[in-house]
Amino acid sequence: MFLYIYVDYLALYKPGFVTDILAGTVHEFDTGPTFVAIALTLMAIPILMILLSTTLPARVNRTVNLVVATLYIPVSIYNAAGEPWSYTYFYGLSIGLEVLLLAFILRSAWTWPRRTA
């Protein structure tokens, strides 16, 4: 979860990023109520996954982890689309780490030992 926050925070240091935010756009999206709601949802899901992973029954937890990690991989890759080549290392490293962590979650959830009650 912190990786998402730090990547977004560090993106503020790109030249012109804050100017675009002040003008009402983030990437190509207008910063209106819909954008804020979607951004909050994307940040809330990793936060909730920490709680849900410790409280849900094993079978449900496995399914939720498989679904959420599968949905977040394309979101992570989309974040780097259209970025200038000068930020290739920053986005390559950050998106690479996100995808590796999500792949680890997928593998762990998929291969988690199943026990009968």
N, C-alpha and C. Protein backbone atom coordinates (compact mmCIF):
# COMPACT_ATOMS: atom_id res chain seq x y z
N MET A 1 0.82 -1.18 0.00
CA MET A 1 0.00 0.00 0.00
C MET A 1 0.87 1.25 0.00
N PHE A 2 1.92 1.27 0.81
CA PHE A 2 2.77 2.45 0.87
C PHE A 2 3.47 2.70 -0.45
N LEU A 3 3.72 1.65 -1.22
CA LEU A 3 4.36 1.82 -2.52
C LEU A 3 3.48 2.69 -3.42
N TYR A 4 2.17 2.46 -3.41
CA TYR A 4 1.25 3.29 -4.20
C TYR A 4 1.33 4.75 -3.76
N ILE A 5 1.34 4.96 -2.47
CA ILE A 5 1.35 6.33 -1.95
C ILE A 5 2.67 7.01 -2.29
N TYR A 6 3.79 6.33 -2.10
CA TYR A 6 5.09 6.95 -2.37
C TYR A 6 5.28 7.25 -3.85
N VAL A 7 4.82 6.37 -4.72
CA VAL A 7 4.93 6.62 -6.16
C VAL A 7 4.13 7.86 -6.53
N ASP A 8 2.92 7.97 -5.99
CA ASP A 8 2.10 9.16 -6.26
C ASP A 8 2.74 10.41 -5.68
N TYR A 9 3.29 10.29 -4.49
CA TYR A 9 3.94 11.45 -3.86
C TYR A 9 5.17 11.89 -4.65
N LEU A 10 6.01 10.94 -5.03
CA LEU A 10 7.22 11.28 -5.77
C LEU A 10 6.91 11.83 -7.16
N ALA A 11 5.77 11.47 -7.72
CA ALA A 11 5.37 12.01 -9.02
C ALA A 11 5.14 13.52 -8.95
N LEU A 12 4.89 14.03 -7.76
CA LEU A 12 4.69 15.48 -7.60
C LEU A 12 5.95 16.27 -7.96
N TYR A 13 7.10 15.62 -7.95
CA TYR A 13 8.36 16.29 -8.25
C TYR A 13 8.64 16.38 -9.75
N LYS A 14 7.81 15.77 -10.58
CA LYS A 14 7.99 15.89 -12.02
C LYS A 14 7.66 17.33 -12.43
N PRO A 15 8.48 17.93 -13.28
CA PRO A 15 8.19 19.30 -13.71
C PRO A 15 6.81 19.42 -14.35
N GLY A 16 6.04 20.39 -13.90
CA GLY A 16 4.73 20.65 -14.46
C GLY A 16 3.60 19.87 -13.84
N PHE A 17 3.90 18.89 -13.00
CA PHE A 17 2.84 18.04 -12.42
C PHE A 17 1.94 18.84 -11.49
N VAL A 18 2.54 19.61 -10.60
CA VAL A 18 1.76 20.41 -9.66
C VAL A 18 0.98 21.49 -10.41
N THR A 19 1.58 22.07 -11.44
CA THR A 19 0.89 23.07 -12.26
C THR A 19 -0.36 22.46 -12.90
N ASP A 20 -0.24 21.23 -13.40
CA ASP A 20 -1.40 20.56 -13.99
C ASP A 20 -2.48 20.30 -12.94
N ILE A 21 -2.06 19.90 -11.74
CA ILE A 21 -3.03 19.67 -10.67
C ILE A 21 -3.76 20.97 -10.34
N LEU A 22 -3.01 22.07 -10.22
CA LEU A 22 -3.63 23.36 -9.93
C LEU A 22 -4.56 23.80 -11.06
N ALA A 23 -4.28 23.36 -12.29
CA ALA A 23 -5.14 23.68 -13.42
C ALA A 23 -6.35 22.74 -13.50
N GLY A 24 -6.38 21.71 -12.64
CA GLY A 24 -7.54 20.83 -12.56
C GLY A 24 -7.43 19.53 -13.33
N THR A 25 -6.21 19.11 -13.67
CA THR A 25 -6.05 17.82 -14.36
C THR A 25 -4.93 17.00 -13.71
N VAL A 26 -5.13 15.70 -13.71
CA VAL A 26 -4.10 14.75 -13.31
C VAL A 26 -3.99 13.77 -14.45
N HIS A 27 -2.82 13.70 -15.04
CA HIS A 27 -2.61 12.99 -16.31
C HIS A 27 -3.59 13.61 -17.30
N GLU A 28 -4.54 12.86 -17.83
CA GLU A 28 -5.51 13.47 -18.73
C GLU A 28 -6.90 13.59 -18.10
N PHE A 29 -7.00 13.30 -16.81
CA PHE A 29 -8.30 13.29 -16.13
C PHE A 29 -8.56 14.62 -15.42
N ASP A 30 -9.80 15.08 -15.49
CA ASP A 30 -10.19 16.27 -14.74
C ASP A 30 -10.32 15.90 -13.26
N THR A 31 -9.88 16.79 -12.38
CA THR A 31 -9.94 16.51 -10.94
C THR A 31 -11.28 16.96 -10.38
N GLY A 32 -12.30 16.24 -10.71
CA GLY A 32 -13.63 16.51 -10.19
C GLY A 32 -14.02 15.46 -9.18
N PRO A 33 -15.29 15.44 -8.80
CA PRO A 33 -15.77 14.47 -7.81
C PRO A 33 -15.57 13.02 -8.24
N THR A 34 -15.73 12.74 -9.53
CA THR A 34 -15.56 11.36 -10.01
C THR A 34 -14.11 10.92 -9.86
N PHE A 35 -13.17 11.77 -10.25
CA PHE A 35 -11.75 11.44 -10.12
C PHE A 35 -11.39 11.20 -8.66
N VAL A 36 -11.85 12.07 -7.77
CA VAL A 36 -11.52 11.94 -6.34
C VAL A 36 -12.11 10.65 -5.77
N ALA A 37 -13.32 10.31 -6.18
CA ALA A 37 -13.94 9.08 -5.68
C ALA A 37 -13.19 7.84 -6.18
N ILE A 38 -12.78 7.85 -7.44
CA ILE A 38 -12.02 6.71 -7.98
C ILE A 38 -10.66 6.61 -7.31
N ALA A 39 -9.99 7.75 -7.12
CA ALA A 39 -8.69 7.74 -6.45
C ALA A 39 -8.81 7.22 -5.02
N LEU A 40 -9.84 7.65 -4.31
CA LEU A 40 -10.05 7.17 -2.94
C LEU A 40 -10.31 5.66 -2.93
N THR A 41 -11.09 5.19 -3.88
CA THR A 41 -11.37 3.76 -3.96
C THR A 41 -10.09 2.97 -4.22
N LEU A 42 -9.26 3.45 -5.15
CA LEU A 42 -8.01 2.75 -5.45
C LEU A 42 -7.07 2.73 -4.26
N MET A 43 -7.12 3.74 -3.41
CA MET A 43 -6.28 3.76 -2.20
C MET A 43 -6.91 2.96 -1.07
N ALA A 44 -8.24 2.92 -1.01
CA ALA A 44 -8.93 2.23 0.08
C ALA A 44 -8.82 0.71 -0.05
N ILE A 45 -8.77 0.22 -1.27
CA ILE A 45 -8.73 -1.24 -1.46
C ILE A 45 -7.50 -1.87 -0.82
N PRO A 46 -6.27 -1.37 -1.06
CA PRO A 46 -5.12 -1.96 -0.37
C PRO A 46 -5.22 -1.84 1.16
N ILE A 47 -5.77 -0.73 1.64
CA ILE A 47 -5.94 -0.56 3.08
C ILE A 47 -6.90 -1.63 3.62
N LEU A 48 -8.02 -1.82 2.93
CA LEU A 48 -8.99 -2.82 3.36
C LEU A 48 -8.44 -4.24 3.24
N MET A 49 -7.56 -4.48 2.26
CA MET A 49 -7.02 -5.82 2.08
C MET A 49 -6.19 -6.25 3.30
N ILE A 50 -5.55 -5.31 3.95
CA ILE A 50 -4.79 -5.65 5.16
C ILE A 50 -5.75 -6.16 6.23
N LEU A 51 -6.84 -5.45 6.44
CA LEU A 51 -7.84 -5.87 7.42
C LEU A 51 -8.50 -7.18 7.00
N LEU A 52 -8.94 -7.24 5.75
CA LEU A 52 -9.66 -8.43 5.28
C LEU A 52 -8.78 -9.68 5.30
N SER A 53 -7.49 -9.53 5.01
CA SER A 53 -6.60 -10.69 5.02
C SER A 53 -6.44 -11.29 6.41
N THR A 54 -6.66 -10.50 7.42
CA THR A 54 -6.52 -11.02 8.79
C THR A 54 -7.85 -11.45 9.39
N THR A 55 -8.97 -11.09 8.77
CA THR A 55 -10.26 -11.39 9.39
C THR A 55 -11.14 -12.35 8.59
N LEU A 56 -10.95 -12.44 7.30
CA LEU A 56 -11.81 -13.31 6.49
C LEU A 56 -11.44 -14.77 6.66
N PRO A 57 -12.41 -15.66 6.47
CA PRO A 57 -12.08 -17.09 6.45
C PRO A 57 -11.12 -17.39 5.29
N ALA A 58 -10.35 -18.45 5.43
CA ALA A 58 -9.28 -18.76 4.47
C ALA A 58 -9.77 -18.86 3.03
N ARG A 59 -10.88 -19.53 2.80
CA ARG A 59 -11.37 -19.73 1.43
C ARG A 59 -11.76 -18.39 0.80
N VAL A 60 -12.47 -17.56 1.54
CA VAL A 60 -12.89 -16.25 1.04
C VAL A 60 -11.67 -15.35 0.86
N ASN A 61 -10.76 -15.40 1.81
CA ASN A 61 -9.53 -14.60 1.75
C ASN A 61 -8.74 -14.93 0.49
N ARG A 62 -8.63 -16.21 0.19
CA ARG A 62 -7.90 -16.64 -1.01
C ARG A 62 -8.55 -16.08 -2.26
N THR A 63 -9.86 -16.18 -2.36
CA THR A 63 -10.58 -15.69 -3.53
C THR A 63 -10.45 -14.17 -3.67
N VAL A 64 -10.61 -13.46 -2.57
CA VAL A 64 -10.51 -12.00 -2.61
C VAL A 64 -9.10 -11.57 -3.03
N ASN A 65 -8.08 -12.21 -2.49
CA ASN A 65 -6.71 -11.88 -2.88
C ASN A 65 -6.46 -12.16 -4.36
N LEU A 66 -6.97 -13.27 -4.87
CA LEU A 66 -6.80 -13.58 -6.29
C LEU A 66 -7.49 -12.54 -7.18
N VAL A 67 -8.70 -12.15 -6.81
CA VAL A 67 -9.46 -11.18 -7.62
C VAL A 67 -8.80 -9.80 -7.57
N VAL A 68 -8.50 -9.32 -6.38
CA VAL A 68 -7.95 -7.96 -6.24
C VAL A 68 -6.57 -7.86 -6.89
N ALA A 69 -5.70 -8.82 -6.67
CA ALA A 69 -4.37 -8.76 -7.28
C ALA A 69 -4.46 -8.83 -8.80
N THR A 70 -5.38 -9.64 -9.32
CA THR A 70 -5.56 -9.74 -10.76
C THR A 70 -6.05 -8.41 -11.34
N LEU A 71 -6.93 -7.72 -10.63
CA LEU A 71 -7.45 -6.44 -11.12
C LEU A 71 -6.43 -5.32 -10.99
N TYR A 72 -5.56 -5.39 -10.01
CA TYR A 72 -4.60 -4.31 -9.78
C TYR A 72 -3.40 -4.36 -10.72
N ILE A 73 -3.07 -5.50 -11.31
CA ILE A 73 -1.93 -5.56 -12.23
C ILE A 73 -2.15 -4.66 -13.44
N PRO A 74 -3.31 -4.73 -14.13
CA PRO A 74 -3.49 -3.79 -15.26
C PRO A 74 -3.53 -2.33 -14.81
N VAL A 75 -4.07 -2.06 -13.63
CA VAL A 75 -4.10 -0.68 -13.12
C VAL A 75 -2.67 -0.18 -12.93
N SER A 76 -1.81 -1.01 -12.38
CA SER A 76 -0.42 -0.61 -12.16
C SER A 76 0.29 -0.35 -13.48
N ILE A 77 0.07 -1.20 -14.45
CA ILE A 77 0.72 -1.02 -15.75
C ILE A 77 0.19 0.21 -16.46
N TYR A 78 -1.11 0.48 -16.33
CA TYR A 78 -1.71 1.66 -16.96
C TYR A 78 -1.10 2.95 -16.44
N ASN A 79 -0.71 2.96 -15.18
CA ASN A 79 -0.14 4.17 -14.58
C ASN A 79 1.13 4.64 -15.30
N ALA A 80 1.85 3.73 -15.91
CA ALA A 80 3.09 4.11 -16.61
C ALA A 80 2.86 4.44 -18.08
N ALA A 81 1.67 4.17 -18.58
CA ALA A 81 1.40 4.41 -20.00
C ALA A 81 1.43 5.90 -20.31
N GLY A 82 2.10 6.24 -21.37
CA GLY A 82 2.14 7.63 -21.82
C GLY A 82 3.11 8.52 -21.09
N GLU A 83 3.89 7.97 -20.20
CA GLU A 83 4.87 8.79 -19.48
C GLU A 83 6.11 9.00 -20.35
N PRO A 84 6.77 10.13 -20.20
CA PRO A 84 7.96 10.39 -21.03
C PRO A 84 9.10 9.43 -20.70
N TRP A 85 9.97 9.22 -21.70
CA TRP A 85 11.09 8.31 -21.54
C TRP A 85 12.05 8.75 -20.45
N SER A 86 12.07 10.03 -20.13
CA SER A 86 12.99 10.50 -19.10
C SER A 86 12.65 9.93 -17.72
N TYR A 87 11.44 9.44 -17.55
CA TYR A 87 11.04 8.86 -16.27
C TYR A 87 10.92 7.34 -16.35
N THR A 88 11.57 6.74 -17.33
CA THR A 88 11.49 5.30 -17.52
C THR A 88 11.98 4.54 -16.29
N TYR A 89 13.10 4.97 -15.71
CA TYR A 89 13.64 4.26 -14.55
C TYR A 89 12.68 4.35 -13.37
N PHE A 90 12.17 5.56 -13.10
CA PHE A 90 11.25 5.76 -11.97
C PHE A 90 10.01 4.89 -12.13
N TYR A 91 9.36 4.98 -13.29
CA TYR A 91 8.14 4.20 -13.48
C TYR A 91 8.44 2.72 -13.69
N GLY A 92 9.55 2.41 -14.33
CA GLY A 92 9.91 1.01 -14.50
C GLY A 92 10.14 0.32 -13.16
N LEU A 93 10.86 1.00 -12.29
CA LEU A 93 11.12 0.44 -10.96
C LEU A 93 9.85 0.36 -10.13
N SER A 94 9.08 1.46 -10.10
CA SER A 94 7.88 1.47 -9.25
C SER A 94 6.82 0.49 -9.75
N ILE A 95 6.55 0.52 -11.04
CA ILE A 95 5.55 -0.39 -11.59
C ILE A 95 6.06 -1.83 -11.53
N GLY A 96 7.35 -2.02 -11.78
CA GLY A 96 7.93 -3.35 -11.67
C GLY A 96 7.78 -3.92 -10.27
N LEU A 97 8.05 -3.10 -9.25
CA LEU A 97 7.88 -3.56 -7.87
C LEU A 97 6.41 -3.87 -7.56
N GLU A 98 5.51 -3.01 -8.03
CA GLU A 98 4.09 -3.26 -7.79
C GLU A 98 3.65 -4.57 -8.43
N VAL A 99 4.05 -4.79 -9.68
CA VAL A 99 3.64 -6.01 -10.38
C VAL A 99 4.28 -7.24 -9.73
N LEU A 100 5.55 -7.14 -9.32
CA LEU A 100 6.18 -8.27 -8.63
C LEU A 100 5.47 -8.61 -7.32
N LEU A 101 5.13 -7.59 -6.55
CA LEU A 101 4.40 -7.84 -5.30
C LEU A 101 3.02 -8.43 -5.55
N LEU A 102 2.33 -7.92 -6.56
CA LEU A 102 1.01 -8.47 -6.89
C LEU A 102 1.14 -9.90 -7.40
N ALA A 103 2.18 -10.19 -8.18
CA ALA A 103 2.40 -11.56 -8.66
C ALA A 103 2.69 -12.50 -7.48
N PHE A 104 3.45 -11.99 -6.50
CA PHE A 104 3.72 -12.80 -5.30
C PHE A 104 2.42 -13.08 -4.54
N ILE A 105 1.55 -12.07 -4.43
CA ILE A 105 0.26 -12.27 -3.76
C ILE A 105 -0.57 -13.30 -4.53
N LEU A 106 -0.59 -13.18 -5.86
CA LEU A 106 -1.32 -14.17 -6.66
C LEU A 106 -0.78 -15.58 -6.46
N ARG A 107 0.54 -15.72 -6.51
CA ARG A 107 1.16 -17.04 -6.34
C ARG A 107 0.88 -17.59 -4.95
N SER A 108 1.02 -16.74 -3.94
CA SER A 108 0.78 -17.20 -2.56
C SER A 108 -0.67 -17.62 -2.36
N ALA A 109 -1.59 -16.82 -2.89
CA ALA A 109 -3.00 -17.17 -2.73
C ALA A 109 -3.35 -18.43 -3.52
N TRP A 110 -2.76 -18.59 -4.69
CA TRP A 110 -3.05 -19.75 -5.53
C TRP A 110 -2.49 -21.04 -4.93
N THR A 111 -1.28 -20.98 -4.36
CA THR A 111 -0.64 -22.19 -3.86
C THR A 111 -0.81 -22.39 -2.36
N TRP A 112 -1.56 -21.56 -1.70
CA TRP A 112 -1.75 -21.69 -0.26
C TRP A 112 -2.33 -23.06 0.06
N PRO A 113 -1.78 -23.75 1.05
CA PRO A 113 -2.26 -25.11 1.34
C PRO A 113 -3.74 -25.10 1.77
N ARG A 114 -4.45 -26.04 1.22
CA ARG A 114 -5.87 -26.17 1.58
C ARG A 114 -6.00 -27.26 2.64
N ARG A 115 -6.73 -26.93 3.68
CA ARG A 115 -6.95 -27.90 4.76
C ARG A 115 -8.43 -28.14 4.90
N THR A 116 -8.78 -29.36 5.21
CA THR A 116 -10.18 -29.66 5.49
C THR A 116 -10.40 -29.53 6.97
N ALA A 117 -11.60 -29.14 7.32
CA ALA A 117 -11.92 -28.92 8.74
C ALA A 117 -12.05 -30.24 9.48
